[in-house]
N, C-alpha and C. Protein backbone atom coordinates (compact mmCIF):
# COMPACT_ATOMS: atom_id res chain seq x y z
N MET A 1 0.85 -1.18 0.00
CA MET A 1 0.00 0.00 0.00
C MET A 1 0.89 1.24 0.00
N GLY A 2 0.57 2.17 -0.87
CA GLY A 2 1.35 3.40 -0.96
C GLY A 2 0.74 4.52 -0.15
N LEU A 3 1.40 5.65 -0.16
CA LEU A 3 0.93 6.81 0.60
C LEU A 3 -0.33 7.42 -0.02
N GLU A 4 -0.71 6.98 -1.21
CA GLU A 4 -1.89 7.53 -1.89
C GLU A 4 -3.19 7.15 -1.16
N LYS A 5 -3.15 6.12 -0.33
CA LYS A 5 -4.36 5.66 0.38
C LYS A 5 -4.26 5.94 1.87
N ILE A 6 -3.23 6.66 2.31
CA ILE A 6 -3.06 6.98 3.72
C ILE A 6 -3.48 8.44 3.94
N LEU A 7 -4.33 8.65 4.93
CA LEU A 7 -4.92 9.97 5.18
C LEU A 7 -4.63 10.47 6.57
N SER A 8 -4.61 11.78 6.68
CA SER A 8 -4.59 12.46 7.97
C SER A 8 -5.90 13.24 8.03
N VAL A 9 -6.67 13.01 9.09
CA VAL A 9 -7.96 13.67 9.24
C VAL A 9 -7.84 14.69 10.36
N ALA A 10 -8.14 15.95 10.05
CA ALA A 10 -8.04 17.02 11.05
C ALA A 10 -8.94 16.71 12.24
N GLY A 11 -8.39 16.90 13.43
CA GLY A 11 -9.16 16.67 14.65
C GLY A 11 -9.15 15.23 15.13
N LYS A 12 -8.54 14.34 14.36
CA LYS A 12 -8.47 12.93 14.74
C LYS A 12 -7.00 12.52 14.84
N PRO A 13 -6.65 11.79 15.88
CA PRO A 13 -5.24 11.40 16.05
C PRO A 13 -4.81 10.32 15.07
N GLY A 14 -3.53 10.30 14.74
CA GLY A 14 -2.97 9.24 13.92
C GLY A 14 -3.28 9.36 12.45
N LEU A 15 -3.14 8.21 11.78
CA LEU A 15 -3.35 8.13 10.33
C LEU A 15 -4.45 7.13 10.03
N TYR A 16 -5.03 7.25 8.85
CA TYR A 16 -6.13 6.40 8.43
C TYR A 16 -5.88 5.85 7.04
N LYS A 17 -6.38 4.63 6.83
CA LYS A 17 -6.29 4.00 5.52
C LYS A 17 -7.66 4.15 4.85
N LEU A 18 -7.66 4.65 3.64
CA LEU A 18 -8.90 4.82 2.88
C LEU A 18 -9.46 3.44 2.53
N ILE A 19 -10.72 3.21 2.94
CA ILE A 19 -11.36 1.93 2.66
C ILE A 19 -12.24 2.04 1.41
N THR A 20 -13.21 2.95 1.45
CA THR A 20 -14.13 3.11 0.32
C THR A 20 -14.74 4.50 0.32
N GLN A 21 -15.24 4.87 -0.82
CA GLN A 21 -15.89 6.17 -0.96
C GLN A 21 -17.41 5.96 -0.85
N THR A 22 -18.08 6.94 -0.23
CA THR A 22 -19.54 6.88 -0.11
C THR A 22 -20.14 8.14 -0.74
N ARG A 23 -21.47 8.22 -0.72
CA ARG A 23 -22.13 9.40 -1.28
C ARG A 23 -21.78 10.65 -0.48
N THR A 24 -21.63 10.50 0.82
CA THR A 24 -21.42 11.65 1.70
C THR A 24 -19.99 11.84 2.14
N GLY A 25 -19.06 11.07 1.62
CA GLY A 25 -17.66 11.18 2.02
C GLY A 25 -16.95 9.87 1.77
N PHE A 26 -16.37 9.30 2.83
CA PHE A 26 -15.70 8.02 2.68
C PHE A 26 -15.54 7.34 4.04
N VAL A 27 -15.18 6.07 3.99
CA VAL A 27 -14.93 5.28 5.19
C VAL A 27 -13.42 5.06 5.27
N ALA A 28 -12.87 5.25 6.46
CA ALA A 28 -11.44 5.07 6.67
C ALA A 28 -11.23 4.21 7.91
N GLU A 29 -10.09 3.52 7.94
CA GLU A 29 -9.74 2.66 9.07
C GLU A 29 -8.50 3.22 9.75
N SER A 30 -8.57 3.36 11.06
CA SER A 30 -7.44 3.89 11.83
C SER A 30 -6.27 2.92 11.79
N LEU A 31 -5.08 3.44 11.56
CA LEU A 31 -3.88 2.61 11.61
C LEU A 31 -3.45 2.38 13.05
N LEU A 32 -3.98 3.17 13.99
CA LEU A 32 -3.64 3.01 15.40
C LEU A 32 -4.40 1.87 16.06
N ASP A 33 -5.74 1.86 15.90
CA ASP A 33 -6.55 0.86 16.61
C ASP A 33 -7.45 0.03 15.71
N GLY A 34 -7.43 0.27 14.40
CA GLY A 34 -8.22 -0.53 13.48
C GLY A 34 -9.69 -0.17 13.40
N LYS A 35 -10.13 0.83 14.15
CA LYS A 35 -11.54 1.22 14.12
C LYS A 35 -11.85 1.96 12.82
N LYS A 36 -13.05 1.69 12.32
CA LYS A 36 -13.48 2.36 11.09
C LYS A 36 -14.27 3.61 11.45
N ILE A 37 -14.06 4.67 10.67
CA ILE A 37 -14.80 5.91 10.88
C ILE A 37 -15.38 6.37 9.54
N SER A 38 -16.44 7.12 9.65
CA SER A 38 -17.03 7.74 8.47
C SER A 38 -16.58 9.20 8.45
N VAL A 39 -16.06 9.64 7.33
CA VAL A 39 -15.55 11.00 7.22
C VAL A 39 -16.38 11.73 6.17
N GLY A 40 -16.95 12.87 6.57
CA GLY A 40 -17.77 13.66 5.66
C GLY A 40 -16.93 14.48 4.69
N LEU A 41 -17.58 14.96 3.65
CA LEU A 41 -16.89 15.75 2.64
C LEU A 41 -16.38 17.08 3.18
N ARG A 42 -17.00 17.57 4.26
CA ARG A 42 -16.58 18.85 4.82
C ARG A 42 -15.36 18.75 5.71
N SER A 43 -14.96 17.55 6.07
CA SER A 43 -13.80 17.36 6.94
C SER A 43 -12.52 17.76 6.21
N ASN A 44 -11.58 18.26 6.97
CA ASN A 44 -10.28 18.63 6.41
C ASN A 44 -9.39 17.38 6.40
N VAL A 45 -9.16 16.83 5.22
CA VAL A 45 -8.42 15.59 5.07
C VAL A 45 -7.22 15.83 4.17
N SER A 46 -6.08 15.27 4.55
CA SER A 46 -4.87 15.37 3.72
C SER A 46 -4.40 13.97 3.35
N VAL A 47 -4.08 13.78 2.08
CA VAL A 47 -3.51 12.53 1.60
C VAL A 47 -2.00 12.68 1.71
N LEU A 48 -1.34 11.72 2.35
CA LEU A 48 0.10 11.85 2.59
C LEU A 48 0.91 12.03 1.31
N SER A 49 0.47 11.44 0.22
CA SER A 49 1.22 11.57 -1.04
C SER A 49 1.18 12.99 -1.60
N GLU A 50 0.25 13.81 -1.11
CA GLU A 50 0.10 15.18 -1.61
C GLU A 50 0.77 16.23 -0.71
N ILE A 51 1.33 15.79 0.42
CA ILE A 51 1.94 16.72 1.36
C ILE A 51 3.40 16.95 0.98
N ALA A 52 3.86 18.20 1.10
CA ALA A 52 5.26 18.53 0.82
C ALA A 52 5.81 19.36 1.98
N ILE A 53 7.12 19.31 2.15
CA ILE A 53 7.80 20.04 3.21
C ILE A 53 8.63 21.15 2.56
N TYR A 54 8.55 22.34 3.15
CA TYR A 54 9.31 23.47 2.62
C TYR A 54 10.80 23.31 2.91
N THR A 55 11.61 23.48 1.86
CA THR A 55 13.06 23.59 2.04
C THR A 55 13.46 24.96 1.51
N LEU A 56 14.73 25.27 1.63
CA LEU A 56 15.20 26.58 1.15
C LEU A 56 15.18 26.65 -0.37
N ASP A 57 15.19 25.49 -1.03
CA ASP A 57 15.23 25.45 -2.49
C ASP A 57 13.88 25.17 -3.13
N GLU A 58 13.11 24.26 -2.54
CA GLU A 58 11.89 23.77 -3.17
C GLU A 58 10.95 23.21 -2.12
N GLU A 59 9.85 22.65 -2.58
CA GLU A 59 8.96 21.89 -1.71
C GLU A 59 9.26 20.41 -1.95
N LEU A 60 9.67 19.72 -0.91
CA LEU A 60 10.07 18.32 -1.01
C LEU A 60 8.89 17.43 -0.61
N PRO A 61 8.49 16.49 -1.49
CA PRO A 61 7.37 15.61 -1.14
C PRO A 61 7.64 14.84 0.16
N LEU A 62 6.60 14.63 0.93
CA LEU A 62 6.72 13.95 2.22
C LEU A 62 7.35 12.57 2.06
N ARG A 63 7.03 11.89 0.96
CA ARG A 63 7.59 10.55 0.75
C ARG A 63 9.12 10.60 0.71
N GLU A 64 9.69 11.68 0.16
CA GLU A 64 11.15 11.80 0.11
C GLU A 64 11.73 12.07 1.49
N VAL A 65 10.99 12.81 2.31
CA VAL A 65 11.42 13.04 3.70
C VAL A 65 11.40 11.71 4.45
N PHE A 66 10.35 10.91 4.24
CA PHE A 66 10.28 9.60 4.88
C PHE A 66 11.45 8.71 4.44
N VAL A 67 11.83 8.78 3.17
CA VAL A 67 12.97 7.99 2.68
C VAL A 67 14.25 8.42 3.40
N LYS A 68 14.43 9.73 3.60
CA LYS A 68 15.62 10.22 4.29
C LYS A 68 15.64 9.76 5.75
N ILE A 69 14.47 9.77 6.41
CA ILE A 69 14.39 9.27 7.79
C ILE A 69 14.70 7.77 7.80
N GLN A 70 14.14 7.06 6.83
CA GLN A 70 14.34 5.61 6.74
C GLN A 70 15.83 5.28 6.58
N GLU A 71 16.53 6.06 5.75
CA GLU A 71 17.96 5.85 5.55
C GLU A 71 18.72 6.13 6.84
N LYS A 72 18.37 7.20 7.53
CA LYS A 72 19.04 7.56 8.79
C LYS A 72 18.84 6.49 9.85
N GLU A 73 17.63 5.92 9.90
CA GLU A 73 17.27 4.97 10.96
C GLU A 73 17.40 3.50 10.52
N ASP A 74 17.97 3.25 9.35
CA ASP A 74 18.11 1.89 8.81
C ASP A 74 16.79 1.13 8.77
N GLY A 75 15.71 1.84 8.42
CA GLY A 75 14.41 1.21 8.26
C GLY A 75 13.64 0.99 9.56
N LYS A 76 14.23 1.40 10.68
CA LYS A 76 13.56 1.22 11.98
C LYS A 76 12.84 2.50 12.37
N LYS A 77 12.17 2.43 13.54
CA LYS A 77 11.49 3.61 14.07
C LYS A 77 12.53 4.68 14.43
N THR A 78 12.07 5.92 14.56
CA THR A 78 12.99 7.02 14.85
C THR A 78 13.60 6.87 16.24
N SER A 79 14.80 7.41 16.39
CA SER A 79 15.51 7.33 17.68
C SER A 79 14.94 8.30 18.70
N ILE A 80 14.11 9.25 18.24
CA ILE A 80 13.46 10.18 19.18
C ILE A 80 11.95 10.03 19.06
N SER A 81 11.27 10.50 20.07
CA SER A 81 9.81 10.44 20.09
C SER A 81 9.23 11.76 19.60
N HIS A 82 8.02 11.70 19.08
CA HIS A 82 7.36 12.94 18.66
C HIS A 82 6.99 13.80 19.87
N LYS A 83 7.13 13.23 21.07
CA LYS A 83 6.80 13.98 22.28
C LYS A 83 8.03 14.65 22.91
N ASP A 84 9.20 14.51 22.28
CA ASP A 84 10.41 15.14 22.81
C ASP A 84 10.33 16.67 22.72
N GLU A 85 11.28 17.32 23.36
CA GLU A 85 11.32 18.79 23.38
C GLU A 85 11.51 19.35 21.97
N LYS A 86 11.04 20.57 21.80
CA LYS A 86 11.10 21.26 20.51
C LYS A 86 12.53 21.29 19.96
N ILE A 87 13.50 21.62 20.79
CA ILE A 87 14.89 21.74 20.32
C ILE A 87 15.43 20.40 19.84
N LYS A 88 15.07 19.31 20.53
CA LYS A 88 15.51 17.97 20.11
C LYS A 88 14.90 17.60 18.76
N LEU A 89 13.62 17.92 18.62
CA LEU A 89 12.93 17.62 17.36
C LEU A 89 13.58 18.38 16.20
N GLU A 90 13.86 19.66 16.43
CA GLU A 90 14.47 20.48 15.37
C GLU A 90 15.87 19.99 15.02
N GLU A 91 16.65 19.60 16.03
CA GLU A 91 18.00 19.08 15.78
C GLU A 91 17.93 17.79 14.94
N TYR A 92 17.01 16.91 15.32
CA TYR A 92 16.85 15.65 14.60
C TYR A 92 16.45 15.92 13.14
N PHE A 93 15.47 16.80 12.96
CA PHE A 93 14.99 17.09 11.61
C PHE A 93 16.08 17.76 10.78
N PHE A 94 16.92 18.57 11.41
CA PHE A 94 18.03 19.21 10.70
C PHE A 94 19.02 18.15 10.21
N GLU A 95 19.21 17.07 10.99
CA GLU A 95 20.08 15.97 10.56
C GLU A 95 19.49 15.26 9.34
N VAL A 96 18.19 15.10 9.34
CA VAL A 96 17.51 14.40 8.25
C VAL A 96 17.43 15.29 7.00
N LEU A 97 17.06 16.54 7.21
CA LEU A 97 16.82 17.47 6.10
C LEU A 97 17.49 18.80 6.42
N PRO A 98 18.80 18.91 6.17
CA PRO A 98 19.56 20.10 6.58
C PRO A 98 19.08 21.41 5.99
N ASN A 99 18.43 21.36 4.83
CA ASN A 99 18.02 22.61 4.18
C ASN A 99 16.53 22.90 4.34
N TYR A 100 15.89 22.33 5.40
CA TYR A 100 14.47 22.64 5.58
C TYR A 100 14.31 24.10 6.01
N ASP A 101 13.20 24.69 5.62
CA ASP A 101 12.94 26.11 5.90
C ASP A 101 12.44 26.26 7.34
N GLU A 102 13.31 26.73 8.21
CA GLU A 102 12.99 26.82 9.64
C GLU A 102 11.88 27.84 9.92
N ASP A 103 11.66 28.78 9.00
CA ASP A 103 10.61 29.77 9.19
C ASP A 103 9.22 29.23 8.85
N ARG A 104 9.16 28.22 7.98
CA ARG A 104 7.86 27.72 7.53
C ARG A 104 7.55 26.30 7.98
N VAL A 105 8.54 25.60 8.52
CA VAL A 105 8.30 24.26 9.07
C VAL A 105 8.38 24.37 10.58
N TYR A 106 7.24 24.20 11.23
CA TYR A 106 7.15 24.39 12.68
C TYR A 106 7.42 23.09 13.43
N ALA A 107 7.67 23.23 14.73
CA ALA A 107 7.89 22.05 15.57
C ALA A 107 6.70 21.11 15.51
N SER A 108 5.50 21.66 15.42
CA SER A 108 4.29 20.82 15.33
C SER A 108 4.29 19.98 14.05
N ASP A 109 4.83 20.54 12.96
CA ASP A 109 4.94 19.79 11.71
C ASP A 109 5.94 18.64 11.86
N ILE A 110 7.06 18.93 12.50
CA ILE A 110 8.09 17.91 12.72
C ILE A 110 7.53 16.78 13.59
N LYS A 111 6.76 17.15 14.63
CA LYS A 111 6.13 16.14 15.49
C LYS A 111 5.25 15.21 14.67
N LYS A 112 4.43 15.79 13.80
CA LYS A 112 3.53 14.98 12.97
C LYS A 112 4.31 14.06 12.06
N ILE A 113 5.34 14.58 11.42
CA ILE A 113 6.13 13.77 10.49
C ILE A 113 6.76 12.58 11.20
N ILE A 114 7.33 12.82 12.37
CA ILE A 114 7.96 11.74 13.13
C ILE A 114 6.91 10.74 13.59
N GLN A 115 5.78 11.24 14.10
CA GLN A 115 4.71 10.35 14.55
C GLN A 115 4.19 9.52 13.38
N TRP A 116 3.93 10.16 12.23
CA TRP A 116 3.42 9.45 11.06
C TRP A 116 4.41 8.39 10.59
N TYR A 117 5.69 8.75 10.53
CA TYR A 117 6.71 7.80 10.08
C TYR A 117 6.68 6.56 10.99
N ASN A 118 6.65 6.78 12.30
CA ASN A 118 6.66 5.65 13.24
C ASN A 118 5.41 4.79 13.12
N ILE A 119 4.25 5.41 12.90
CA ILE A 119 3.02 4.64 12.70
C ILE A 119 3.14 3.77 11.45
N LEU A 120 3.64 4.36 10.37
CA LEU A 120 3.78 3.62 9.11
C LEU A 120 4.75 2.45 9.26
N VAL A 121 5.87 2.67 9.96
CA VAL A 121 6.84 1.60 10.17
C VAL A 121 6.22 0.50 11.03
N ASP A 122 5.47 0.87 12.06
CA ASP A 122 4.78 -0.12 12.91
C ASP A 122 3.85 -1.01 12.10
N LYS A 123 3.19 -0.42 11.11
CA LYS A 123 2.22 -1.15 10.29
C LYS A 123 2.85 -1.81 9.07
N GLY A 124 4.17 -1.72 8.94
CA GLY A 124 4.86 -2.37 7.84
C GLY A 124 4.73 -1.65 6.51
N ILE A 125 4.31 -0.38 6.56
CA ILE A 125 4.20 0.41 5.32
C ILE A 125 5.51 1.18 5.19
N THR A 126 6.46 0.57 4.50
CA THR A 126 7.80 1.16 4.45
C THR A 126 8.31 1.42 3.03
N ASP A 127 7.47 1.18 2.03
CA ASP A 127 7.89 1.45 0.66
C ASP A 127 7.47 2.88 0.30
N PHE A 128 8.39 3.81 0.52
CA PHE A 128 8.09 5.22 0.28
C PHE A 128 8.55 5.67 -1.10
N SER A 129 9.21 4.77 -1.84
CA SER A 129 9.71 5.16 -3.16
C SER A 129 8.54 5.37 -4.11
N LYS A 130 8.64 6.39 -4.90
CA LYS A 130 7.58 6.70 -5.86
C LYS A 130 7.78 5.83 -7.09
N LYS A 131 6.72 5.35 -7.60
CA LYS A 131 6.78 4.51 -8.80
C LYS A 131 6.89 5.41 -10.03
N GLU A 132 8.02 6.12 -10.13
CA GLU A 132 8.20 7.09 -11.21
C GLU A 132 8.20 6.43 -12.58
N GLU A 133 8.82 5.26 -12.66
CA GLU A 133 8.88 4.58 -13.95
C GLU A 133 7.47 4.23 -14.43
N GLU A 134 6.63 3.72 -13.51
CA GLU A 134 5.26 3.38 -13.87
C GLU A 134 4.50 4.63 -14.29
N ALA A 135 4.68 5.72 -13.56
CA ALA A 135 4.00 6.97 -13.90
C ALA A 135 4.44 7.46 -15.27
N GLU A 136 5.73 7.34 -15.56
CA GLU A 136 6.26 7.76 -16.85
C GLU A 136 5.69 6.90 -17.97
N GLU A 137 5.59 5.58 -17.73
CA GLU A 137 5.02 4.68 -18.73
C GLU A 137 3.56 5.04 -19.00
N THR A 138 2.82 5.32 -17.94
CA THR A 138 1.40 5.69 -18.10
C THR A 138 1.27 6.96 -18.92
N LYS A 139 2.13 7.95 -18.67
CA LYS A 139 2.10 9.20 -19.45
C LYS A 139 2.35 8.91 -20.92
N GLU A 140 3.32 8.04 -21.20
CA GLU A 140 3.65 7.70 -22.58
C GLU A 140 2.48 6.99 -23.26
N GLU A 141 1.81 6.08 -22.52
CA GLU A 141 0.67 5.37 -23.08
C GLU A 141 -0.46 6.34 -23.42
N VAL A 142 -0.75 7.26 -22.51
CA VAL A 142 -1.81 8.24 -22.74
C VAL A 142 -1.46 9.12 -23.93
N LYS A 143 -0.21 9.54 -24.01
CA LYS A 143 0.25 10.37 -25.11
C LYS A 143 0.09 9.63 -26.44
N SER A 144 0.43 8.34 -26.46
CA SER A 144 0.29 7.54 -27.68
C SER A 144 -1.16 7.41 -28.09
N GLU A 145 -2.04 7.20 -27.09
CA GLU A 145 -3.47 7.07 -27.37
C GLU A 145 -4.03 8.37 -27.95
N VAL A 146 -3.63 9.50 -27.39
CA VAL A 146 -4.10 10.80 -27.86
C VAL A 146 -3.63 11.04 -29.29
N GLU A 147 -2.36 10.72 -29.55
CA GLU A 147 -1.82 10.91 -30.89
C GLU A 147 -2.53 10.01 -31.90
N ALA A 148 -2.87 8.78 -31.48
CA ALA A 148 -3.56 7.83 -32.37
C ALA A 148 -4.96 8.34 -32.70
N LYS A 149 -5.64 8.93 -31.71
CA LYS A 149 -6.98 9.45 -31.92
C LYS A 149 -6.96 10.67 -32.84
N ASP A 150 -5.90 11.46 -32.76
CA ASP A 150 -5.79 12.66 -33.57
C ASP A 150 -5.58 12.34 -35.06
N LYS A 151 -5.10 11.17 -35.37
CA LYS A 151 -4.80 10.80 -36.77
C LYS A 151 -6.01 10.37 -37.53
């Protein structure tokens, strides 16, 4: 399972796996306790694959930040807790991502990233690499189909 089906729901702790879509929203399952919840269309929901972290140069996709944490921790959980002091969290994040924008990435953001990473590792969701080759192939197929229709 990729990050495309993992959600963060505002006001609810932890992460959720998208189960199915309904007329009024969707059903998601908590990765923390396995309970299913119904989420309305008005809820503020973020898909992890769409989140990016500000750096001094660009916006870095969250999946790439997770890969950097994974490399630092050899695929294990983080050496610090998301409940550690602000200064410890910032020092850790600076080791992982030295060029992150300290003015736009807050300690609360770092806490979430560390907590989310640890939840994903606990659940065995550790393939953060983007399937770029597959995406590129799909683009080429679509382009070929469009060109064929134009002829």
